[in-house]
Amino acid sequence: MSDAVPLPIQMSDSAANKIKALISEEENPELKLRVYITGGGCSGFQYGFTFDEKTNDGDTVIEKNGVIMVVDAMSLQYLVGGTVDYVEGLEGSRFLVTNPNATSTCGCGSSFSV
């Protein structure tokens, strides 16, 4: 019997594997992928991704395949139920968020509105 609480945001295997590869290239096992929301973009908010060595108070920590993703509390409220993914396609390779809270997104998928 598991009392596992569903995670507020998911990380795909593809994203976890890419994070692991990037951290390996940097040779710094302390790095974590930080996902955040900022104002701007063509739809009002945009997603941001950066590597961070620290976890701040209030951060939500998601661990998968030996890598860690952190999301601050303010950004998390816009991302609950979403998934961070990594895709490779004609537009290039990038991290992206599948976000059920977004009422509209822009063509490039990097900004959204709620």
PDB file of N, CA and C in Angstrom:
ATOM      1  N   MET A   1       0.852  -1.167   0.000  1.00  0.00           N
ATOM      2  CA  MET A   1       0.000   0.000   0.000  1.00  0.00           C
ATOM      3  C   MET A   1       0.900   1.233   0.000  1.00  0.00           C
ATOM      4  N   SER A   2       0.717   2.069  -1.013  1.00  0.00           N
ATOM      5  CA  SER A   2       1.562   3.241  -1.157  1.00  0.00           C
ATOM      6  C   SER A   2       0.786   4.499  -0.805  1.00  0.00           C
ATOM      7  N   ASP A   3       1.429   5.368  -0.050  1.00  0.00           N
ATOM      8  CA  ASP A   3       0.826   6.653   0.281  1.00  0.00           C
ATOM      9  C   ASP A   3       1.446   7.751  -0.583  1.00  0.00           C
ATOM     10  N   ALA A   4       1.907   7.370  -1.770  1.00  0.00           N
ATOM     11  CA  ALA A   4       2.573   8.334  -2.641  1.00  0.00           C
ATOM     12  C   ALA A   4       1.611   9.449  -3.028  1.00  0.00           C
ATOM     13  N   VAL A   5       2.053  10.649  -2.811  1.00  0.00           N
ATOM     14  CA  VAL A   5       1.265  11.821  -3.186  1.00  0.00           C
ATOM     15  C   VAL A   5       1.584  12.115  -4.650  1.00  0.00           C
ATOM     16  N   PRO A   6       0.559  12.338  -5.473  1.00  0.00           N
ATOM     17  CA  PRO A   6       0.873  12.659  -6.864  1.00  0.00           C
ATOM     18  C   PRO A   6       1.712  13.935  -6.951  1.00  0.00           C
ATOM     19  N   LEU A   7       2.679  13.921  -7.828  1.00  0.00           N
ATOM     20  CA  LEU A   7       3.552  15.084  -7.978  1.00  0.00           C
ATOM     21  C   LEU A   7       2.787  16.218  -8.640  1.00  0.00           C
ATOM     22  N   PRO A   8       3.026  17.462  -8.195  1.00  0.00           N
ATOM     23  CA  PRO A   8       2.315  18.596  -8.784  1.00  0.00           C
ATOM     24  C   PRO A   8       2.740  18.870 -10.227  1.00  0.00           C
ATOM     25  N   ILE A   9       3.944  18.445 -10.579  1.00  0.00           N
ATOM     26  CA  ILE A   9       4.438  18.608 -11.950  1.00  0.00           C
ATOM     27  C   ILE A   9       5.301  17.393 -12.258  1.00  0.00           C
ATOM     28  N   GLN A  10       5.203  16.919 -13.478  1.00  0.00           N
ATOM     29  CA  GLN A  10       5.933  15.722 -13.890  1.00  0.00           C
ATOM     30  C   GLN A  10       7.151  16.100 -14.725  1.00  0.00           C
ATOM     31  N   MET A  11       8.085  15.155 -14.811  1.00  0.00           N
ATOM     32  CA  MET A  11       9.256  15.294 -15.663  1.00  0.00           C
ATOM     33  C   MET A  11       9.293  14.047 -16.547  1.00  0.00           C
ATOM     34  N   SER A  12       9.338  14.236 -17.862  1.00  0.00           N
ATOM     35  CA  SER A  12       9.362  13.086 -18.766  1.00  0.00           C
ATOM     36  C   SER A  12      10.727  12.395 -18.703  1.00  0.00           C
ATOM     37  N   ASP A  13      10.755  11.139 -19.150  1.00  0.00           N
ATOM     38  CA  ASP A  13      12.030  10.424 -19.233  1.00  0.00           C
ATOM     39  C   ASP A  13      12.996  11.155 -20.166  1.00  0.00           C
ATOM     40  N   SER A  14      12.460  11.685 -21.256  1.00  0.00           N
ATOM     41  CA  SER A  14      13.282  12.416 -22.214  1.00  0.00           C
ATOM     42  C   SER A  14      13.948  13.620 -21.550  1.00  0.00           C
ATOM     43  N   ALA A  15      13.174  14.377 -20.743  1.00  0.00           N
ATOM     44  CA  ALA A  15      13.736  15.533 -20.036  1.00  0.00           C
ATOM     45  C   ALA A  15      14.779  15.085 -19.021  1.00  0.00           C
ATOM     46  N   ALA A  16      14.465  14.048 -18.251  1.00  0.00           N
ATOM     47  CA  ALA A  16      15.401  13.561 -17.232  1.00  0.00           C
ATOM     48  C   ALA A  16      16.712  13.113 -17.868  1.00  0.00           C
ATOM     49  N   ASN A  17      16.622  12.408 -18.991  1.00  0.00           N
ATOM     50  CA  ASN A  17      17.835  11.923 -19.655  1.00  0.00           C
ATOM     51  C   ASN A  17      18.665  13.070 -20.209  1.00  0.00           C
ATOM     52  N   LYS A  18      18.007  14.109 -20.742  1.00  0.00           N
ATOM     53  CA  LYS A  18      18.746  15.262 -21.267  1.00  0.00           C
ATOM     54  C   LYS A  18      19.391  16.052 -20.133  1.00  0.00           C
ATOM     55  N   ILE A  19      18.675  16.215 -19.023  1.00  0.00           N
ATOM     56  CA  ILE A  19      19.242  16.902 -17.853  1.00  0.00           C
ATOM     57  C   ILE A  19      20.483  16.156 -17.389  1.00  0.00           C
ATOM     58  N   LYS A  20      20.373  14.821 -17.311  1.00  0.00           N
ATOM     59  CA  LYS A  20      21.509  14.002 -16.865  1.00  0.00           C
ATOM     60  C   LYS A  20      22.704  14.204 -17.796  1.00  0.00           C
ATOM     61  N   ALA A  21      22.460  14.226 -19.102  1.00  0.00           N
ATOM     62  CA  ALA A  21      23.546  14.404 -20.074  1.00  0.00           C
ATOM     63  C   ALA A  21      24.185  15.780 -19.936  1.00  0.00           C
ATOM     64  N   LEU A  22      23.368  16.828 -19.768  1.00  0.00           N
ATOM     65  CA  LEU A  22      23.902  18.188 -19.639  1.00  0.00           C
ATOM     66  C   LEU A  22      24.711  18.351 -18.354  1.00  0.00           C
ATOM     67  N   ILE A  23      24.224  17.769 -17.264  1.00  0.00           N
ATOM     68  CA  ILE A  23      24.953  17.843 -15.992  1.00  0.00           C
ATOM     69  C   ILE A  23      26.278  17.109 -16.114  1.00  0.00           C
ATOM     70  N   SER A  24      26.267  15.969 -16.798  1.00  0.00           N
ATOM     71  CA  SER A  24      27.489  15.201 -17.004  1.00  0.00           C
ATOM     72  C   SER A  24      28.514  16.023 -17.790  1.00  0.00           C
ATOM     73  N   GLU A  25      28.048  16.755 -18.818  1.00  0.00           N
ATOM     74  CA  GLU A  25      28.939  17.608 -19.605  1.00  0.00           C
ATOM     75  C   GLU A  25      29.549  18.717 -18.746  1.00  0.00           C
ATOM     76  N   GLU A  26      28.769  19.252 -17.829  1.00  0.00           N
ATOM     77  CA  GLU A  26      29.251  20.333 -16.956  1.00  0.00           C
ATOM     78  C   GLU A  26      30.150  19.803 -15.846  1.00  0.00           C
ATOM     79  N   GLU A  27      30.112  18.498 -15.617  1.00  0.00           N
ATOM     80  CA  GLU A  27      30.910  17.850 -14.567  1.00  0.00           C
ATOM     81  C   GLU A  27      30.649  18.460 -13.201  1.00  0.00           C
ATOM     82  N   ASN A  28      29.372  18.779 -12.938  1.00  0.00           N
ATOM     83  CA  ASN A  28      28.982  19.325 -11.635  1.00  0.00           C
ATOM     84  C   ASN A  28      27.712  18.599 -11.171  1.00  0.00           C
ATOM     85  N   PRO A  29      27.869  17.548 -10.356  1.00  0.00           N
ATOM     86  CA  PRO A  29      26.716  16.756  -9.932  1.00  0.00           C
ATOM     87  C   PRO A  29      25.744  17.506  -9.026  1.00  0.00           C
ATOM     88  N   GLU A  30      26.129  18.713  -8.586  1.00  0.00           N
ATOM     89  CA  GLU A  30      25.236  19.505  -7.729  1.00  0.00           C
ATOM     90  C   GLU A  30      24.139  20.225  -8.529  1.00  0.00           C
ATOM     91  N   LEU A  31      24.271  20.274  -9.845  1.00  0.00           N
ATOM     92  CA  LEU A  31      23.319  21.022 -10.657  1.00  0.00           C
ATOM     93  C   LEU A  31      21.934  20.385 -10.683  1.00  0.00           C
ATOM     94  N   LYS A  32      20.919  21.243 -10.676  1.00  0.00           N
ATOM     95  CA  LYS A  32      19.523  20.838 -10.777  1.00  0.00           C
ATOM     96  C   LYS A  32      18.898  21.717 -11.856  1.00  0.00           C
ATOM     97  N   LEU A  33      17.878  21.196 -12.549  1.00  0.00           N
ATOM     98  CA  LEU A  33      17.168  22.022 -13.514  1.00  0.00           C
ATOM     99  C   LEU A  33      16.126  22.841 -12.776  1.00  0.00           C
ATOM    100  N   ARG A  34      16.211  24.155 -12.894  1.00  0.00           N
ATOM    101  CA  ARG A  34      15.214  25.039 -12.290  1.00  0.00           C
ATOM    102  C   ARG A  34      14.257  25.480 -13.391  1.00  0.00           C
ATOM    103  N   VAL A  35      12.963  25.238 -13.148  1.00  0.00           N
ATOM    104  CA  VAL A  35      11.904  25.648 -14.072  1.00  0.00           C
ATOM    105  C   VAL A  35      11.182  26.810 -13.418  1.00  0.00           C
ATOM    106  N   TYR A  36      10.956  27.883 -14.167  1.00  0.00           N
ATOM    107  CA  TYR A  36      10.311  29.053 -13.580  1.00  0.00           C
ATOM    108  C   TYR A  36       9.442  29.763 -14.618  1.00  0.00           C
ATOM    109  N   ILE A  37       8.590  30.632 -14.119  1.00  0.00           N
ATOM    110  CA  ILE A  37       7.697  31.425 -14.959  1.00  0.00           C
ATOM    111  C   ILE A  37       8.094  32.890 -14.800  1.00  0.00           C
ATOM    112  N   THR A  38       8.148  33.609 -15.913  1.00  0.00           N
ATOM    113  CA  THR A  38       8.378  35.051 -15.858  1.00  0.00           C
ATOM    114  C   THR A  38       7.296  35.736 -16.684  1.00  0.00           C
ATOM    115  N   GLY A  39       7.078  36.998 -16.404  1.00  0.00           N
ATOM    116  CA  GLY A  39       6.161  37.777 -17.218  1.00  0.00           C
ATOM    117  C   GLY A  39       6.819  38.072 -18.546  1.00  0.00           C
ATOM    118  N   GLY A  40       6.020  38.138 -19.595  1.00  0.00           N
ATOM    119  CA  GLY A  40       6.569  38.468 -20.905  1.00  0.00           C
ATOM    120  C   GLY A  40       6.159  37.455 -21.946  1.00  0.00           C
ATOM    121  N   GLY A  41       6.814  37.485 -23.053  1.00  0.00           N
ATOM    122  CA  GLY A  41       6.452  36.612 -24.156  1.00  0.00           C
ATOM    123  C   GLY A  41       5.209  37.149 -24.838  1.00  0.00           C
ATOM    124  N   CYS A  42       4.825  36.532 -25.935  1.00  0.00           N
ATOM    125  CA  CYS A  42       3.693  37.065 -26.702  1.00  0.00           C
ATOM    126  C   CYS A  42       2.346  36.719 -26.079  1.00  0.00           C
ATOM    127  N   SER A  43       2.308  35.858 -25.059  1.00  0.00           N
ATOM    128  CA  SER A  43       1.029  35.490 -24.450  1.00  0.00           C
ATOM    129  C   SER A  43       0.906  35.873 -22.974  1.00  0.00           C
ATOM    130  N   GLY A  44       1.854  36.620 -22.428  1.00  0.00           N
ATOM    131  CA  GLY A  44       1.716  37.102 -21.051  1.00  0.00           C
ATOM    132  C   GLY A  44       2.705  36.515 -20.064  1.00  0.00           C
ATOM    133  N   PHE A  45       2.923  35.201 -20.132  1.00  0.00           N
ATOM    134  CA  PHE A  45       3.908  34.532 -19.272  1.00  0.00           C
ATOM    135  C   PHE A  45       4.816  33.708 -20.169  1.00  0.00           C
ATOM    136  N   GLN A  46       6.039  33.485 -19.695  1.00  0.00           N
ATOM    137  CA  GLN A  46       6.889  32.568 -20.446  1.00  0.00           C
ATOM    138  C   GLN A  46       7.648  31.653 -19.504  1.00  0.00           C
ATOM    139  N   TYR A  47       8.011  30.497 -20.038  1.00  0.00           N
ATOM    140  CA  TYR A  47       8.738  29.484 -19.272  1.00  0.00           C
ATOM    141  C   TYR A  47      10.226  29.793 -19.310  1.00  0.00           C
ATOM    142  N   GLY A  48      10.894  29.516 -18.199  1.00  0.00           N
ATOM    143  CA  GLY A  48      12.334  29.660 -18.157  1.00  0.00           C
ATOM    144  C   GLY A  48      12.954  28.392 -17.603  1.00  0.00           C
ATOM    145  N   PHE A  49      14.145  28.075 -18.089  1.00  0.00           N
ATOM    146  CA  PHE A  49      14.883  26.899 -17.640  1.00  0.00           C
ATOM    147  C   PHE A  49      16.323  27.328 -17.396  1.00  0.00           C
ATOM    148  N   THR A  50      16.865  26.948 -16.255  1.00  0.00           N
ATOM    149  CA  THR A  50      18.258  27.252 -15.960  1.00  0.00           C
ATOM    150  C   THR A  50      18.803  26.161 -15.050  1.00  0.00           C
ATOM    151  N   PHE A  51      20.114  26.068 -14.959  1.00  0.00           N
ATOM    152  CA  PHE A  51      20.708  25.135 -14.003  1.00  0.00           C
ATOM    153  C   PHE A  51      21.088  25.899 -12.747  1.00  0.00           C
ATOM    154  N   ASP A  52      20.854  25.279 -11.600  1.00  0.00           N
ATOM    155  CA  ASP A  52      21.068  25.911 -10.303  1.00  0.00           C
ATOM    156  C   ASP A  52      21.683  24.870  -9.376  1.00  0.00           C
ATOM    157  N   GLU A  53      22.632  25.294  -8.549  1.00  0.00           N
ATOM    158  CA  GLU A  53      23.242  24.369  -7.596  1.00  0.00           C
ATOM    159  C   GLU A  53      22.449  24.265  -6.307  1.00  0.00           C
ATOM    160  N   LYS A  54      21.620  25.277  -6.028  1.00  0.00           N
ATOM    161  CA  LYS A  54      20.959  25.273  -4.724  1.00  0.00           C
ATOM    162  C   LYS A  54      19.452  25.060  -4.851  1.00  0.00           C
ATOM    163  N   THR A  55      18.889  24.614  -3.758  1.00  0.00           N
ATOM    164  CA  THR A  55      17.447  24.491  -3.615  1.00  0.00           C
ATOM    165  C   THR A  55      17.036  25.528  -2.584  1.00  0.00           C
ATOM    166  N   ASN A  56      16.078  26.358  -2.917  1.00  0.00           N
ATOM    167  CA  ASN A  56      15.641  27.427  -2.026  1.00  0.00           C
ATOM    168  C   ASN A  56      14.477  26.976  -1.159  1.00  0.00           C
ATOM    169  N   ASP A  57      14.267  27.653  -0.040  1.00  0.00           N
ATOM    170  CA  ASP A  57      13.105  27.380   0.800  1.00  0.00           C
ATOM    171  C   ASP A  57      11.853  27.550  -0.043  1.00  0.00           C
ATOM    172  N   GLY A  58      10.939  26.619   0.075  1.00  0.00           N
ATOM    173  CA  GLY A  58       9.691  26.712  -0.660  1.00  0.00           C
ATOM    174  C   GLY A  58       9.722  26.070  -2.039  1.00  0.00           C
ATOM    175  N   ASP A  59      10.912  25.661  -2.504  1.00  0.00           N
ATOM    176  CA  ASP A  59      10.998  24.993  -3.796  1.00  0.00           C
ATOM    177  C   ASP A  59      10.351  23.617  -3.726  1.00  0.00           C
ATOM    178  N   THR A  60       9.682  23.227  -4.790  1.00  0.00           N
ATOM    179  CA  THR A  60       9.205  21.855  -4.949  1.00  0.00           C
ATOM    180  C   THR A  60      10.307  21.102  -5.673  1.00  0.00           C
ATOM    181  N   VAL A  61      10.669  19.931  -5.150  1.00  0.00           N
ATOM    182  CA  VAL A  61      11.758  19.138  -5.707  1.00  0.00           C
ATOM    183  C   VAL A  61      11.174  17.882  -6.345  1.00  0.00           C
ATOM    184  N   ILE A  62      11.477  17.669  -7.605  1.00  0.00           N
ATOM    185  CA  ILE A  62      11.034  16.489  -8.337  1.00  0.00           C
ATOM    186  C   ILE A  62      12.293  15.720  -8.732  1.00  0.00           C
ATOM    187  N   GLU A  63      12.347  14.437  -8.375  1.00  0.00           N
ATOM    188  CA  GLU A  63      13.507  13.632  -8.709  1.00  0.00           C
ATOM    189  C   GLU A  63      13.083  12.493  -9.627  1.00  0.00           C
ATOM    190  N   LYS A  64      13.884  12.272 -10.663  1.00  0.00           N
ATOM    191  CA  LYS A  64      13.601  11.184 -11.597  1.00  0.00           C
ATOM    192  C   LYS A  64      14.897  10.751 -12.249  1.00  0.00           C
ATOM    193  N   ASN A  65      15.105   9.454 -12.348  1.00  0.00           N
ATOM    194  CA  ASN A  65      16.275   8.884 -13.023  1.00  0.00           C
ATOM    195  C   ASN A  65      17.591   9.493 -12.520  1.00  0.00           C
ATOM    196  N   GLY A  66      17.619   9.849 -11.228  1.00  0.00           N
ATOM    197  CA  GLY A  66      18.853  10.354 -10.641  1.00  0.00           C
ATOM    198  C   GLY A  66      19.115  11.832 -10.855  1.00  0.00           C
ATOM    199  N   VAL A  67      18.160  12.565 -11.440  1.00  0.00           N
ATOM    200  CA  VAL A  67      18.331  14.009 -11.603  1.00  0.00           C
ATOM    201  C   VAL A  67      17.218  14.738 -10.858  1.00  0.00           C
ATOM    202  N   ILE A  68      17.471  16.003 -10.548  1.00  0.00           N
ATOM    203  CA  ILE A  68      16.518  16.784  -9.757  1.00  0.00           C
ATOM    204  C   ILE A  68      16.087  18.016 -10.548  1.00  0.00           C
ATOM    205  N   MET A  69      14.791  18.271 -10.474  1.00  0.00           N
ATOM    206  CA  MET A  69      14.207  19.487 -11.040  1.00  0.00           C
ATOM    207  C   MET A  69      13.580  20.241  -9.876  1.00  0.00           C
ATOM    208  N   VAL A  70      13.780  21.552  -9.824  1.00  0.00           N
ATOM    209  CA  VAL A  70      13.192  22.367  -8.764  1.00  0.00           C
ATOM    210  C   VAL A  70      12.320  23.457  -9.381  1.00  0.00           C
ATOM    211  N   VAL A  71      11.224  23.768  -8.665  1.00  0.00           N
ATOM    212  CA  VAL A  71      10.291  24.802  -9.112  1.00  0.00           C
ATOM    213  C   VAL A  71       9.934  25.648  -7.897  1.00  0.00           C
ATOM    214  N   ASP A  72      10.052  26.972  -8.027  1.00  0.00           N
ATOM    215  CA  ASP A  72       9.696  27.844  -6.910  1.00  0.00           C
ATOM    216  C   ASP A  72       8.172  27.889  -6.759  1.00  0.00           C
ATOM    217  N   ALA A  73       7.706  28.247  -5.560  1.00  0.00           N
ATOM    218  CA  ALA A  73       6.278  28.206  -5.230  1.00  0.00           C
ATOM    219  C   ALA A  73       5.447  29.118  -6.129  1.00  0.00           C
ATOM    220  N   MET A  74       5.949  30.302  -6.463  1.00  0.00           N
ATOM    221  CA  MET A  74       5.192  31.222  -7.297  1.00  0.00           C
ATOM    222  C   MET A  74       4.986  30.640  -8.694  1.00  0.00           C
ATOM    223  N   SER A  75       6.018  30.054  -9.258  1.00  0.00           N
ATOM    224  CA  SER A  75       5.907  29.469 -10.595  1.00  0.00           C
ATOM    225  C   SER A  75       5.049  28.206 -10.580  1.00  0.00           C
ATOM    226  N   LEU A  76       5.159  27.426  -9.504  1.00  0.00           N
ATOM    227  CA  LEU A  76       4.455  26.145  -9.442  1.00  0.00           C
ATOM    228  C   LEU A  76       2.947  26.307  -9.581  1.00  0.00           C
ATOM    229  N   GLN A  77       2.397  27.394  -9.038  1.00  0.00           N
ATOM    230  CA  GLN A  77       0.941  27.566  -9.101  1.00  0.00           C
ATOM    231  C   GLN A  77       0.439  27.611 -10.548  1.00  0.00           C
ATOM    232  N   TYR A  78       1.291  28.023 -11.484  1.00  0.00           N
ATOM    233  CA  TYR A  78       0.905  28.056 -12.894  1.00  0.00           C
ATOM    234  C   TYR A  78       1.213  26.748 -13.621  1.00  0.00           C
ATOM    235  N   LEU A  79       1.927  25.841 -12.949  1.00  0.00           N
ATOM    236  CA  LEU A  79       2.407  24.636 -13.613  1.00  0.00           C
ATOM    237  C   LEU A  79       1.777  23.345 -13.093  1.00  0.00           C
ATOM    238  N   VAL A  80       0.931  23.427 -12.057  1.00  0.00           N
ATOM    239  CA  VAL A  80       0.362  22.228 -11.445  1.00  0.00           C
ATOM    240  C   VAL A  80      -0.337  21.385 -12.507  1.00  0.00           C
ATOM    241  N   GLY A  81       0.004  20.099 -12.530  1.00  0.00           N
ATOM    242  CA  GLY A  81      -0.592  19.174 -13.491  1.00  0.00           C
ATOM    243  C   GLY A  81       0.158  19.118 -14.808  1.00  0.00           C
ATOM    244  N   GLY A  82       1.198  19.933 -14.942  1.00  0.00           N
ATOM    245  CA  GLY A  82       1.948  19.980 -16.197  1.00  0.00           C
ATOM    246  C   GLY A  82       3.081  18.971 -16.238  1.00  0.00           C
ATOM    247  N   THR A  83       3.726  18.912 -17.383  1.00  0.00           N
ATOM    248  CA  THR A  83       4.868  18.019 -17.580  1.00  0.00           C
ATOM    249  C   THR A  83       5.982  18.784 -18.277  1.00  0.00           C
ATOM    250  N   VAL A  84       7.194  18.658 -17.733  1.00  0.00           N
ATOM    251  CA  VAL A  84       8.372  19.209 -18.389  1.00  0.00           C
ATOM    252  C   VAL A  84       8.917  18.110 -19.294  1.00  0.00           C
ATOM    253  N   ASP A  85       9.100  18.441 -20.567  1.00  0.00           N
ATOM    254  CA  ASP A  85       9.534  17.466 -21.558  1.00  0.00           C
ATOM    255  C   ASP A  85      10.732  18.037 -22.312  1.00  0.00           C
ATOM    256  N   TYR A  86      11.405  17.167 -23.034  1.00  0.00           N
ATOM    257  CA  TYR A  86      12.495  17.592 -23.908  1.00  0.00           C
ATOM    258  C   TYR A  86      12.194  17.021 -25.283  1.00  0.00           C
ATOM    259  N   VAL A  87      12.159  17.882 -26.279  1.00  0.00           N
ATOM    260  CA  VAL A  87      11.830  17.426 -27.628  1.00  0.00           C
ATOM    261  C   VAL A  87      12.922  17.832 -28.609  1.00  0.00           C
ATOM    262  N   GLU A  88      13.075  17.006 -29.625  1.00  0.00           N
ATOM    263  CA  GLU A  88      13.982  17.296 -30.723  1.00  0.00           C
ATOM    264  C   GLU A  88      13.149  17.243 -31.990  1.00  0.00           C
ATOM    265  N   GLY A  89      13.171  18.313 -32.758  1.00  0.00           N
ATOM    266  CA  GLY A  89      12.369  18.348 -33.971  1.00  0.00           C
ATOM    267  C   GLY A  89      12.938  19.327 -34.975  1.00  0.00           C
ATOM    268  N   LEU A  90      12.134  19.648 -35.966  1.00  0.00           N
ATOM    269  CA  LEU A  90      12.570  20.561 -37.016  1.00  0.00           C
ATOM    270  C   LEU A  90      12.895  21.943 -36.475  1.00  0.00           C
ATOM    271  N   GLU A  91      12.197  22.343 -35.392  1.00  0.00           N
ATOM    272  CA  GLU A  91      12.440  23.664 -34.799  1.00  0.00           C
ATOM    273  C   GLU A  91      13.675  23.664 -33.912  1.00  0.00           C
ATOM    274  N   GLY A  92      14.315  22.526 -33.758  1.00  0.00           N
ATOM    275  CA  GLY A  92      15.473  22.427 -32.889  1.00  0.00           C
ATOM    276  C   GLY A  92      15.144  21.614 -31.648  1.00  0.00           C
ATOM    277  N   SER A  93      16.063  21.581 -30.730  1.00  0.00           N
ATOM    278  CA  SER A  93      15.900  20.814 -29.500  1.00  0.00           C
ATOM    279  C   SER A  93      15.646  21.776 -28.356  1.00  0.00           C
ATOM    280  N   ARG A  94      14.696  21.419 -27.481  1.00  0.00           N
ATOM    281  CA  ARG A  94      14.391  22.331 -26.381  1.00  0.00           C
ATOM    282  C   ARG A  94      13.596  21.631 -25.299  1.00  0.00           C
ATOM    283  N   PHE A  95      13.672  22.217 -24.104  1.00  0.00           N
ATOM    284  CA  PHE A  95      12.773  21.822 -23.030  1.00  0.00           C
ATOM    285  C   PHE A  95      11.462  22.547 -23.269  1.00  0.00           C
ATOM    286  N   LEU A  96      10.345  21.909 -22.949  1.00  0.00           N
ATOM    287  CA  LEU A  96       9.064  22.575 -23.041  1.00  0.00           C
ATOM    288  C   LEU A  96       8.155  22.055 -21.946  1.00  0.00           C
ATOM    289  N   VAL A  97       7.086  22.804 -21.706  1.00  0.00           N
ATOM    290  CA  VAL A  97       6.130  22.444 -20.669  1.00  0.00           C
ATOM    291  C   VAL A  97       4.782  22.181 -21.327  1.00  0.00           C
ATOM    292  N   THR A  98       4.213  21.011 -21.043  1.00  0.00           N
ATOM    293  CA  THR A  98       2.831  20.737 -21.415  1.00  0.00           C
ATOM    294  C   THR A  98       2.017  21.188 -20.220  1.00  0.00           C
ATOM    295  N   ASN A  99       1.233  22.246 -20.393  1.00  0.00           N
ATOM    296  CA  ASN A  99       0.599  22.911 -19.260  1.00  0.00           C
ATOM    297  C   ASN A  99      -0.926  22.936 -19.420  1.00  0.00           C
ATOM    298  N   PRO A 100      -1.643  22.146 -18.593  1.00  0.00           N
ATOM    299  CA  PRO A 100      -3.099  22.124 -18.697  1.00  0.00           C
ATOM    300  C   PRO A 100      -3.762  23.418 -18.212  1.00  0.00           C
ATOM    301  N   ASN A 101      -3.004  24.282 -17.524  1.00  0.00           N
ATOM    302  CA  ASN A 101      -3.555  25.532 -16.998  1.00  0.00           C
ATOM    303  C   ASN A 101      -3.557  26.651 -18.029  1.00  0.00           C
ATOM    304  N   ALA A 102      -2.802  26.477 -19.101  1.00  0.00           N
ATOM    305  CA  ALA A 102      -2.697  27.527 -20.108  1.00  0.00           C
ATOM    306  C   ALA A 102      -3.977  27.570 -20.938  1.00  0.00           C
ATOM    307  N   THR A 103      -4.563  28.755 -21.049  1.00  0.00           N
ATOM    308  CA  THR A 103      -5.756  28.899 -21.879  1.00  0.00           C
ATOM    309  C   THR A 103      -5.377  29.164 -23.320  1.00  0.00           C
ATOM    310  N   SER A 104      -4.178  29.688 -23.542  1.00  0.00           N
ATOM    311  CA  SER A 104      -3.672  29.856 -24.893  1.00  0.00           C
ATOM    312  C   SER A 104      -2.154  29.860 -24.837  1.00  0.00           C
ATOM    313  N   THR A 105      -1.546  29.475 -25.947  1.00  0.00           N
ATOM    314  CA  THR A 105      -0.084  29.492 -26.048  1.00  0.00           C
ATOM    315  C   THR A 105       0.271  30.191 -27.338  1.00  0.00           C
ATOM    316  N   CYS A 106       1.525  30.572 -27.437  1.00  0.00           N
ATOM    317  CA  CYS A 106       1.964  31.197 -28.682  1.00  0.00           C
ATOM    318  C   CYS A 106       2.432  30.101 -29.633  1.00  0.00           C
ATOM    319  N   GLY A 107       2.736  30.469 -30.842  1.00  0.00           N
ATOM    320  CA  GLY A 107       3.161  29.504 -31.850  1.00  0.00           C
ATOM    321  C   GLY A 107       4.428  28.756 -31.486  1.00  0.00           C
ATOM    322  N   CYS A 108       5.334  29.423 -30.772  1.00  0.00           N
ATOM    323  CA  CYS A 108       6.600  28.774 -30.438  1.00  0.00           C
ATOM    324  C   CYS A 108       6.477  27.898 -29.178  1.00  0.00           C
ATOM    325  N   GLY A 109       5.375  28.025 -28.447  1.00  0.00           N
ATOM    326  CA  GLY A 109       5.173  27.171 -27.276  1.00  0.00           C
ATOM    327  C   GLY A 109       5.954  27.601 -26.048  1.00  0.00           C
ATOM    328  N   SER A 110       6.637  28.744 -26.113  1.00  0.00           N
ATOM    329  CA  SER A 110       7.440  29.145 -24.954  1.00  0.00           C
ATOM    330  C   SER A 110       6.731  30.181 -24.089  1.00  0.00           C
ATOM    331  N   SER A 111       5.547  30.651 -24.515  1.00  0.00           N
ATOM    332  CA  SER A 111       4.794  31.543 -23.654  1.00  0.00           C
ATOM    333  C   SER A 111       3.327  31.133 -23.655  1.00  0.00           C
ATOM    334  N   PHE A 112       2.607  31.614 -22.642  1.00  0.00           N
ATOM    335  CA  PHE A 112       1.226  31.172 -22.452  1.00  0.00           C
ATOM    336  C   PHE A 112       0.450  32.216 -21.676  1.00  0.00           C
ATOM    337  N   SER A 113      -0.867  32.054 -21.638  1.00  0.00           N
ATOM    338  CA  SER A 113      -1.707  32.884 -20.777  1.00  0.00           C
ATOM    339  C   SER A 113      -2.637  31.967 -20.004  1.00  0.00           C
ATOM    340  N   VAL A 114      -3.146  32.476 -18.873  1.00  0.00           N
ATOM    341  CA  VAL A 114      -4.067  31.688 -18.025  1.00  0.00           C
ATOM    342  C   VAL A 114      -5.369  32.429 -17.843  1.00  0.00           C
TER     343      VAL A 114
END
